[in-house]
Amino acid sequence: MTTFMLFLHVLGATGMGIYVLLPFVAGKFKQLSTPSQEGLASGLLTAGRIGQFALVLQLLTGGYLISQGDYGTSWMITIIVLFVAIGAISGILQGPLKRIVAATSNNQDASGAISRVQTLSLLAVVLFLVVLWLMKNPW
């Protein structure tokens, strides 16, 4: 059972890789035409949902794997807080992406929402990298 859960955990980590790509892709928004911005925002909405499902998979499989090991309580609390923060940021990110889709379909300026997406995506990747580091080096 542990081997299968570890496989699912690695699969979930791969799915969360969207958070690594997000800042680079979001950085291209201002270089694109208005219809292209709408398409990119729609694609990022879908990718964000995949990342959120992968995050839930990580929490479930990680909970099982933690129960099989000997980890410090402070480490477990830190990891849970970081995962909840990543989930919150990815949820908050959905709003500006939806505003970009709505604004570009009406030929309006979406630069404020684009800047917010870029900032939130950078914050998500930093938190994701911290989680990766803490997973590799638990205390």
N, C-alpha and C. Protein backbone atom coordinates (compact mmCIF):
# COMPACT_ATOMS: atom_id res chain seq x y z
N MET A 1 0.82 -1.19 0.00
CA MET A 1 0.00 0.00 0.00
C MET A 1 0.86 1.26 0.00
N THR A 2 1.96 1.21 0.76
CA THR A 2 2.84 2.38 0.83
C THR A 2 3.45 2.70 -0.52
N THR A 3 3.81 1.67 -1.28
CA THR A 3 4.40 1.88 -2.60
C THR A 3 3.40 2.55 -3.54
N PHE A 4 2.16 2.11 -3.50
CA PHE A 4 1.12 2.71 -4.35
C PHE A 4 0.87 4.16 -3.95
N MET A 5 0.81 4.43 -2.66
CA MET A 5 0.61 5.81 -2.18
C MET A 5 1.79 6.70 -2.57
N LEU A 6 2.99 6.15 -2.50
CA LEU A 6 4.16 6.92 -2.91
C LEU A 6 4.10 7.23 -4.40
N PHE A 7 3.65 6.28 -5.19
CA PHE A 7 3.46 6.51 -6.62
C PHE A 7 2.45 7.64 -6.86
N LEU A 8 1.31 7.58 -6.16
CA LEU A 8 0.31 8.64 -6.30
C LEU A 8 0.86 9.98 -5.83
N HIS A 9 1.69 9.96 -4.80
CA HIS A 9 2.27 11.19 -4.27
C HIS A 9 3.22 11.81 -5.30
N VAL A 10 4.02 11.00 -5.94
CA VAL A 10 4.92 11.50 -6.99
C VAL A 10 4.11 11.99 -8.19
N LEU A 11 3.05 11.30 -8.52
CA LEU A 11 2.17 11.73 -9.61
C LEU A 11 1.55 13.09 -9.29
N GLY A 12 1.13 13.28 -8.04
CA GLY A 12 0.58 14.56 -7.62
C GLY A 12 1.62 15.67 -7.67
N ALA A 13 2.85 15.35 -7.29
CA ALA A 13 3.92 16.35 -7.35
C ALA A 13 4.18 16.77 -8.79
N THR A 14 4.08 15.82 -9.70
CA THR A 14 4.24 16.14 -11.11
C THR A 14 3.11 17.05 -11.58
N GLY A 15 1.90 16.77 -11.14
CA GLY A 15 0.76 17.63 -11.49
C GLY A 15 0.89 19.03 -10.93
N MET A 16 1.53 19.14 -9.77
CA MET A 16 1.73 20.46 -9.18
C MET A 16 2.84 21.24 -9.88
N GLY A 17 3.51 20.59 -10.82
CA GLY A 17 4.55 21.27 -11.59
C GLY A 17 4.03 22.47 -12.36
N ILE A 18 2.72 22.56 -12.53
CA ILE A 18 2.15 23.73 -13.19
C ILE A 18 2.53 25.02 -12.46
N TYR A 19 2.70 24.92 -11.14
CA TYR A 19 3.05 26.10 -10.37
C TYR A 19 4.47 26.59 -10.69
N VAL A 20 5.32 25.71 -11.18
CA VAL A 20 6.66 26.11 -11.60
C VAL A 20 6.60 26.83 -12.94
N LEU A 21 5.73 26.36 -13.83
CA LEU A 21 5.62 26.96 -15.16
C LEU A 21 4.80 28.24 -15.18
N LEU A 22 3.91 28.38 -14.23
CA LEU A 22 2.96 29.49 -14.22
C LEU A 22 3.59 30.88 -14.32
N PRO A 23 4.63 31.21 -13.55
CA PRO A 23 5.17 32.57 -13.68
C PRO A 23 5.77 32.85 -15.05
N PHE A 24 6.35 31.84 -15.67
CA PHE A 24 6.95 32.04 -16.99
C PHE A 24 5.89 32.23 -18.06
N VAL A 25 4.82 31.46 -17.96
CA VAL A 25 3.73 31.59 -18.93
C VAL A 25 2.98 32.90 -18.69
N ALA A 26 2.73 33.24 -17.43
CA ALA A 26 2.01 34.49 -17.12
C ALA A 26 2.83 35.71 -17.53
N GLY A 27 4.14 35.58 -17.58
CA GLY A 27 4.98 36.69 -18.02
C GLY A 27 4.80 37.03 -19.49
N LYS A 28 4.20 36.15 -20.26
CA LYS A 28 4.00 36.37 -21.70
C LYS A 28 2.70 37.11 -22.01
N PHE A 29 1.85 37.33 -21.00
CA PHE A 29 0.55 37.96 -21.24
C PHE A 29 0.67 39.29 -21.98
N LYS A 30 1.55 40.15 -21.53
CA LYS A 30 1.62 41.51 -22.08
C LYS A 30 2.19 41.54 -23.49
N GLN A 31 2.80 40.43 -23.91
CA GLN A 31 3.37 40.37 -25.27
C GLN A 31 2.35 39.87 -26.28
N LEU A 32 1.21 39.41 -25.82
CA LEU A 32 0.21 38.79 -26.70
C LEU A 32 -0.87 39.78 -27.10
N SER A 33 -1.52 39.48 -28.22
CA SER A 33 -2.68 40.27 -28.64
C SER A 33 -3.86 39.93 -27.73
N THR A 34 -4.90 40.72 -27.82
CA THR A 34 -6.07 40.55 -26.95
C THR A 34 -6.73 39.18 -27.10
N PRO A 35 -6.99 38.69 -28.31
CA PRO A 35 -7.59 37.34 -28.40
C PRO A 35 -6.66 36.25 -27.86
N SER A 36 -5.37 36.44 -28.04
CA SER A 36 -4.42 35.45 -27.53
C SER A 36 -4.39 35.47 -26.00
N GLN A 37 -4.55 36.64 -25.41
CA GLN A 37 -4.60 36.73 -23.95
C GLN A 37 -5.79 35.96 -23.41
N GLU A 38 -6.92 36.05 -24.11
CA GLU A 38 -8.11 35.31 -23.68
C GLU A 38 -7.84 33.81 -23.72
N GLY A 39 -7.22 33.33 -24.78
CA GLY A 39 -6.92 31.91 -24.90
C GLY A 39 -5.93 31.44 -23.84
N LEU A 40 -4.91 32.25 -23.58
CA LEU A 40 -3.92 31.89 -22.56
C LEU A 40 -4.56 31.86 -21.17
N ALA A 41 -5.40 32.83 -20.89
CA ALA A 41 -6.08 32.86 -19.59
C ALA A 41 -6.99 31.65 -19.43
N SER A 42 -7.69 31.26 -20.48
CA SER A 42 -8.55 30.07 -20.42
C SER A 42 -7.72 28.82 -20.17
N GLY A 43 -6.58 28.72 -20.85
CA GLY A 43 -5.70 27.59 -20.64
C GLY A 43 -5.13 27.54 -19.23
N LEU A 44 -4.79 28.70 -18.70
CA LEU A 44 -4.26 28.76 -17.34
C LEU A 44 -5.33 28.45 -16.30
N LEU A 45 -6.58 28.78 -16.60
CA LEU A 45 -7.68 28.39 -15.71
C LEU A 45 -7.77 26.87 -15.61
N THR A 46 -7.68 26.21 -16.75
CA THR A 46 -7.73 24.74 -16.76
C THR A 46 -6.51 24.16 -16.05
N ALA A 47 -5.34 24.70 -16.34
CA ALA A 47 -4.12 24.22 -15.70
C ALA A 47 -4.17 24.45 -14.19
N GLY A 48 -4.75 25.56 -13.77
CA GLY A 48 -4.89 25.83 -12.34
C GLY A 48 -5.78 24.82 -11.65
N ARG A 49 -6.83 24.41 -12.33
CA ARG A 49 -7.71 23.37 -11.77
C ARG A 49 -6.96 22.05 -11.64
N ILE A 50 -6.17 21.71 -12.63
CA ILE A 50 -5.37 20.49 -12.55
C ILE A 50 -4.39 20.58 -11.38
N GLY A 51 -3.77 21.75 -11.21
CA GLY A 51 -2.87 21.95 -10.08
C GLY A 51 -3.58 21.82 -8.75
N GLN A 52 -4.82 22.29 -8.67
CA GLN A 52 -5.58 22.19 -7.42
C GLN A 52 -5.95 20.73 -7.12
N PHE A 53 -6.32 19.98 -8.15
CA PHE A 53 -6.62 18.55 -7.94
C PHE A 53 -5.35 17.81 -7.51
N ALA A 54 -4.21 18.17 -8.10
CA ALA A 54 -2.95 17.56 -7.70
C ALA A 54 -2.61 17.92 -6.26
N LEU A 55 -2.93 19.13 -5.86
CA LEU A 55 -2.70 19.55 -4.48
C LEU A 55 -3.52 18.72 -3.50
N VAL A 56 -4.77 18.46 -3.83
CA VAL A 56 -5.62 17.62 -2.98
C VAL A 56 -5.05 16.20 -2.92
N LEU A 57 -4.60 15.69 -4.07
CA LEU A 57 -3.98 14.37 -4.09
C LEU A 57 -2.75 14.33 -3.20
N GLN A 58 -1.97 15.40 -3.22
CA GLN A 58 -0.78 15.50 -2.37
C GLN A 58 -1.16 15.47 -0.89
N LEU A 59 -2.19 16.20 -0.53
CA LEU A 59 -2.61 16.23 0.87
C LEU A 59 -3.09 14.86 1.34
N LEU A 60 -3.85 14.18 0.51
CA LEU A 60 -4.38 12.87 0.90
C LEU A 60 -3.27 11.82 1.00
N THR A 61 -2.46 11.72 -0.04
CA THR A 61 -1.40 10.72 -0.03
C THR A 61 -0.31 11.08 0.97
N GLY A 62 -0.04 12.37 1.10
CA GLY A 62 0.96 12.81 2.09
C GLY A 62 0.51 12.51 3.50
N GLY A 63 -0.78 12.65 3.77
CA GLY A 63 -1.29 12.30 5.10
C GLY A 63 -1.06 10.84 5.42
N TYR A 64 -1.28 9.99 4.43
CA TYR A 64 -1.03 8.57 4.65
C TYR A 64 0.47 8.31 4.87
N LEU A 65 1.30 8.90 4.03
CA LEU A 65 2.75 8.66 4.14
C LEU A 65 3.31 9.20 5.45
N ILE A 66 2.77 10.32 5.93
CA ILE A 66 3.23 10.86 7.22
C ILE A 66 2.87 9.89 8.35
N SER A 67 1.70 9.27 8.23
CA SER A 67 1.29 8.33 9.28
C SER A 67 2.20 7.10 9.34
N GLN A 68 2.90 6.81 8.25
CA GLN A 68 3.78 5.66 8.20
C GLN A 68 5.20 5.98 8.67
N GLY A 69 5.52 7.27 8.83
CA GLY A 69 6.87 7.67 9.21
C GLY A 69 6.91 8.34 10.57
N ASP A 70 8.09 8.83 10.91
CA ASP A 70 8.28 9.51 12.18
C ASP A 70 8.76 10.93 11.90
N TYR A 71 7.82 11.86 11.88
CA TYR A 71 8.12 13.25 11.56
C TYR A 71 7.75 14.12 12.75
N GLY A 72 8.43 15.25 12.85
CA GLY A 72 8.15 16.19 13.93
C GLY A 72 6.83 16.91 13.71
N THR A 73 6.18 17.23 14.80
CA THR A 73 4.90 17.92 14.72
C THR A 73 5.05 19.29 14.06
N SER A 74 6.12 20.00 14.39
CA SER A 74 6.33 21.33 13.79
C SER A 74 6.51 21.24 12.28
N TRP A 75 7.18 20.19 11.81
CA TRP A 75 7.36 19.99 10.37
C TRP A 75 6.01 19.73 9.70
N MET A 76 5.20 18.87 10.32
CA MET A 76 3.89 18.54 9.75
C MET A 76 2.99 19.77 9.68
N ILE A 77 3.00 20.57 10.73
CA ILE A 77 2.17 21.78 10.74
C ILE A 77 2.65 22.76 9.67
N THR A 78 3.97 22.91 9.55
CA THR A 78 4.52 23.81 8.54
C THR A 78 4.12 23.37 7.14
N ILE A 79 4.21 22.10 6.86
CA ILE A 79 3.86 21.58 5.54
C ILE A 79 2.37 21.81 5.25
N ILE A 80 1.53 21.53 6.22
CA ILE A 80 0.09 21.72 6.02
C ILE A 80 -0.23 23.19 5.76
N VAL A 81 0.39 24.08 6.52
CA VAL A 81 0.17 25.51 6.33
C VAL A 81 0.62 25.94 4.93
N LEU A 82 1.76 25.44 4.48
CA LEU A 82 2.26 25.79 3.15
C LEU A 82 1.32 25.26 2.06
N PHE A 83 0.82 24.04 2.22
CA PHE A 83 -0.11 23.49 1.23
C PHE A 83 -1.42 24.29 1.20
N VAL A 84 -1.91 24.67 2.35
CA VAL A 84 -3.12 25.48 2.40
C VAL A 84 -2.87 26.84 1.75
N ALA A 85 -1.69 27.41 1.98
CA ALA A 85 -1.34 28.70 1.36
C ALA A 85 -1.27 28.58 -0.16
N ILE A 86 -0.68 27.49 -0.65
CA ILE A 86 -0.62 27.29 -2.11
C ILE A 86 -2.04 27.12 -2.66
N GLY A 87 -2.87 26.37 -1.96
CA GLY A 87 -4.26 26.20 -2.39
C GLY A 87 -5.01 27.52 -2.41
N ALA A 88 -4.79 28.34 -1.40
CA ALA A 88 -5.45 29.65 -1.35
C ALA A 88 -4.99 30.54 -2.49
N ILE A 89 -3.69 30.57 -2.72
CA ILE A 89 -3.16 31.41 -3.80
C ILE A 89 -3.68 30.93 -5.16
N SER A 90 -3.70 29.62 -5.36
CA SER A 90 -4.19 29.12 -6.65
C SER A 90 -5.69 29.39 -6.81
N GLY A 91 -6.42 29.38 -5.72
CA GLY A 91 -7.83 29.74 -5.79
C GLY A 91 -8.04 31.21 -6.06
N ILE A 92 -7.26 32.04 -5.39
CA ILE A 92 -7.34 33.49 -5.62
C ILE A 92 -6.94 33.83 -7.05
N LEU A 93 -6.00 33.09 -7.60
CA LEU A 93 -5.51 33.33 -8.95
C LEU A 93 -6.59 33.10 -10.00
N GLN A 94 -7.57 32.26 -9.68
CA GLN A 94 -8.64 31.98 -10.64
C GLN A 94 -9.46 33.24 -10.95
N GLY A 95 -9.64 34.11 -9.94
CA GLY A 95 -10.43 35.34 -10.14
C GLY A 95 -9.84 36.27 -11.19
N PRO A 96 -8.56 36.67 -11.06
CA PRO A 96 -7.98 37.52 -12.09
C PRO A 96 -7.94 36.87 -13.47
N LEU A 97 -7.75 35.55 -13.51
CA LEU A 97 -7.76 34.88 -14.81
C LEU A 97 -9.14 34.97 -15.46
N LYS A 98 -10.18 34.82 -14.65
CA LYS A 98 -11.55 34.96 -15.19
C LYS A 98 -11.80 36.40 -15.62
N ARG A 99 -11.25 37.36 -14.87
CA ARG A 99 -11.41 38.77 -15.27
C ARG A 99 -10.67 39.06 -16.58
N ILE A 100 -9.54 38.41 -16.80
CA ILE A 100 -8.81 38.59 -18.06
C ILE A 100 -9.65 38.05 -19.22
N VAL A 101 -10.24 36.88 -19.03
CA VAL A 101 -11.09 36.30 -20.08
C VAL A 101 -12.26 37.23 -20.39
N ALA A 102 -12.91 37.74 -19.33
CA ALA A 102 -14.07 38.63 -19.53
C ALA A 102 -13.65 39.94 -20.19
N ALA A 103 -12.54 40.51 -19.74
CA ALA A 103 -12.10 41.80 -20.29
C ALA A 103 -11.66 41.67 -21.74
N THR A 104 -10.93 40.63 -22.05
CA THR A 104 -10.45 40.49 -23.43
C THR A 104 -11.58 40.13 -24.40
N SER A 105 -12.60 39.43 -23.92
CA SER A 105 -13.73 39.13 -24.81
C SER A 105 -14.54 40.39 -25.11
N ASN A 106 -14.46 41.40 -24.23
CA ASN A 106 -15.16 42.67 -24.46
C ASN A 106 -14.22 43.75 -24.97
N ASN A 107 -12.99 43.38 -25.36
CA ASN A 107 -11.96 44.32 -25.84
C ASN A 107 -11.66 45.43 -24.84
N GLN A 108 -11.58 45.07 -23.57
CA GLN A 108 -11.23 46.02 -22.52
C GLN A 108 -9.80 45.75 -22.05
N ASP A 109 -9.26 46.70 -21.30
CA ASP A 109 -7.91 46.57 -20.78
C ASP A 109 -7.91 45.62 -19.57
N ALA A 110 -6.99 44.67 -19.58
CA ALA A 110 -6.90 43.69 -18.49
C ALA A 110 -5.54 43.75 -17.80
N SER A 111 -4.85 44.90 -17.91
CA SER A 111 -3.48 44.97 -17.39
C SER A 111 -3.42 44.82 -15.87
N GLY A 112 -4.43 45.30 -15.15
CA GLY A 112 -4.44 45.14 -13.69
C GLY A 112 -4.55 43.68 -13.29
N ALA A 113 -5.43 42.96 -13.95
CA ALA A 113 -5.59 41.53 -13.66
C ALA A 113 -4.36 40.75 -14.09
N ILE A 114 -3.73 41.15 -15.17
CA ILE A 114 -2.51 40.48 -15.64
C ILE A 114 -1.39 40.66 -14.62
N SER A 115 -1.24 41.87 -14.09
CA SER A 115 -0.22 42.11 -13.08
C SER A 115 -0.47 41.28 -11.82
N ARG A 116 -1.73 41.15 -11.45
CA ARG A 116 -2.07 40.35 -10.27
C ARG A 116 -1.76 38.87 -10.49
N VAL A 117 -2.05 38.38 -11.69
CA VAL A 117 -1.74 36.98 -12.02
C VAL A 117 -0.24 36.75 -11.94
N GLN A 118 0.53 37.68 -12.47
CA GLN A 118 1.98 37.52 -12.44
C GLN A 118 2.51 37.51 -11.01
N THR A 119 2.00 38.39 -10.17
CA THR A 119 2.44 38.45 -8.78
C THR A 119 2.06 37.19 -8.01
N LEU A 120 0.81 36.77 -8.14
CA LEU A 120 0.35 35.58 -7.42
C LEU A 120 1.04 34.32 -7.91
N SER A 121 1.32 34.24 -9.21
CA SER A 121 2.00 33.05 -9.72
C SER A 121 3.43 32.98 -9.22
N LEU A 122 4.07 34.13 -9.07
CA LEU A 122 5.42 34.14 -8.52
C LEU A 122 5.41 33.71 -7.05
N LEU A 123 4.43 34.16 -6.31
CA LEU A 123 4.29 33.76 -4.91
C LEU A 123 4.01 32.25 -4.80
N ALA A 124 3.20 31.72 -5.69
CA ALA A 124 2.88 30.28 -5.67
C ALA A 124 4.12 29.45 -5.95
N VAL A 125 4.94 29.86 -6.89
CA VAL A 125 6.15 29.07 -7.20
C VAL A 125 7.15 29.14 -6.06
N VAL A 126 7.24 30.26 -5.38
CA VAL A 126 8.16 30.36 -4.23
C VAL A 126 7.70 29.40 -3.13
N LEU A 127 6.41 29.40 -2.83
CA LEU A 127 5.88 28.48 -1.81
C LEU A 127 6.06 27.02 -2.23
N PHE A 128 5.86 26.74 -3.50
CA PHE A 128 6.04 25.38 -3.99
C PHE A 128 7.49 24.93 -3.86
N LEU A 129 8.43 25.81 -4.16
CA LEU A 129 9.84 25.46 -4.01
C LEU A 129 10.22 25.26 -2.55
N VAL A 130 9.62 26.05 -1.66
CA VAL A 130 9.86 25.85 -0.22
C VAL A 130 9.33 24.49 0.21
N VAL A 131 8.15 24.10 -0.28
CA VAL A 131 7.60 22.79 0.05
C VAL A 131 8.53 21.69 -0.47
N LEU A 132 9.01 21.83 -1.69
CA LEU A 132 9.93 20.83 -2.23
C LEU A 132 11.17 20.70 -1.36
N TRP A 133 11.72 21.82 -0.94
CA TRP A 133 12.92 21.79 -0.11
C TRP A 133 12.63 21.13 1.23
N LEU A 134 11.50 21.48 1.84
CA LEU A 134 11.15 20.89 3.13
C LEU A 134 10.83 19.39 3.01
N MET A 135 10.28 18.98 1.89
CA MET A 135 10.02 17.55 1.69
C MET A 135 11.32 16.77 1.56
N LYS A 136 12.28 17.38 0.91
CA LYS A 136 13.57 16.71 0.75
C LYS A 136 14.39 16.73 2.04
N ASN A 137 14.21 17.76 2.84
CA ASN A 137 14.98 17.93 4.08
C ASN A 137 14.08 18.14 5.29
N PRO A 138 13.33 17.11 5.69
CA PRO A 138 12.47 17.29 6.88
C PRO A 138 13.31 17.37 8.15
N TRP A 139 12.79 18.10 9.14
CA TRP A 139 13.52 18.19 10.39
C TRP A 139 12.88 17.34 11.45
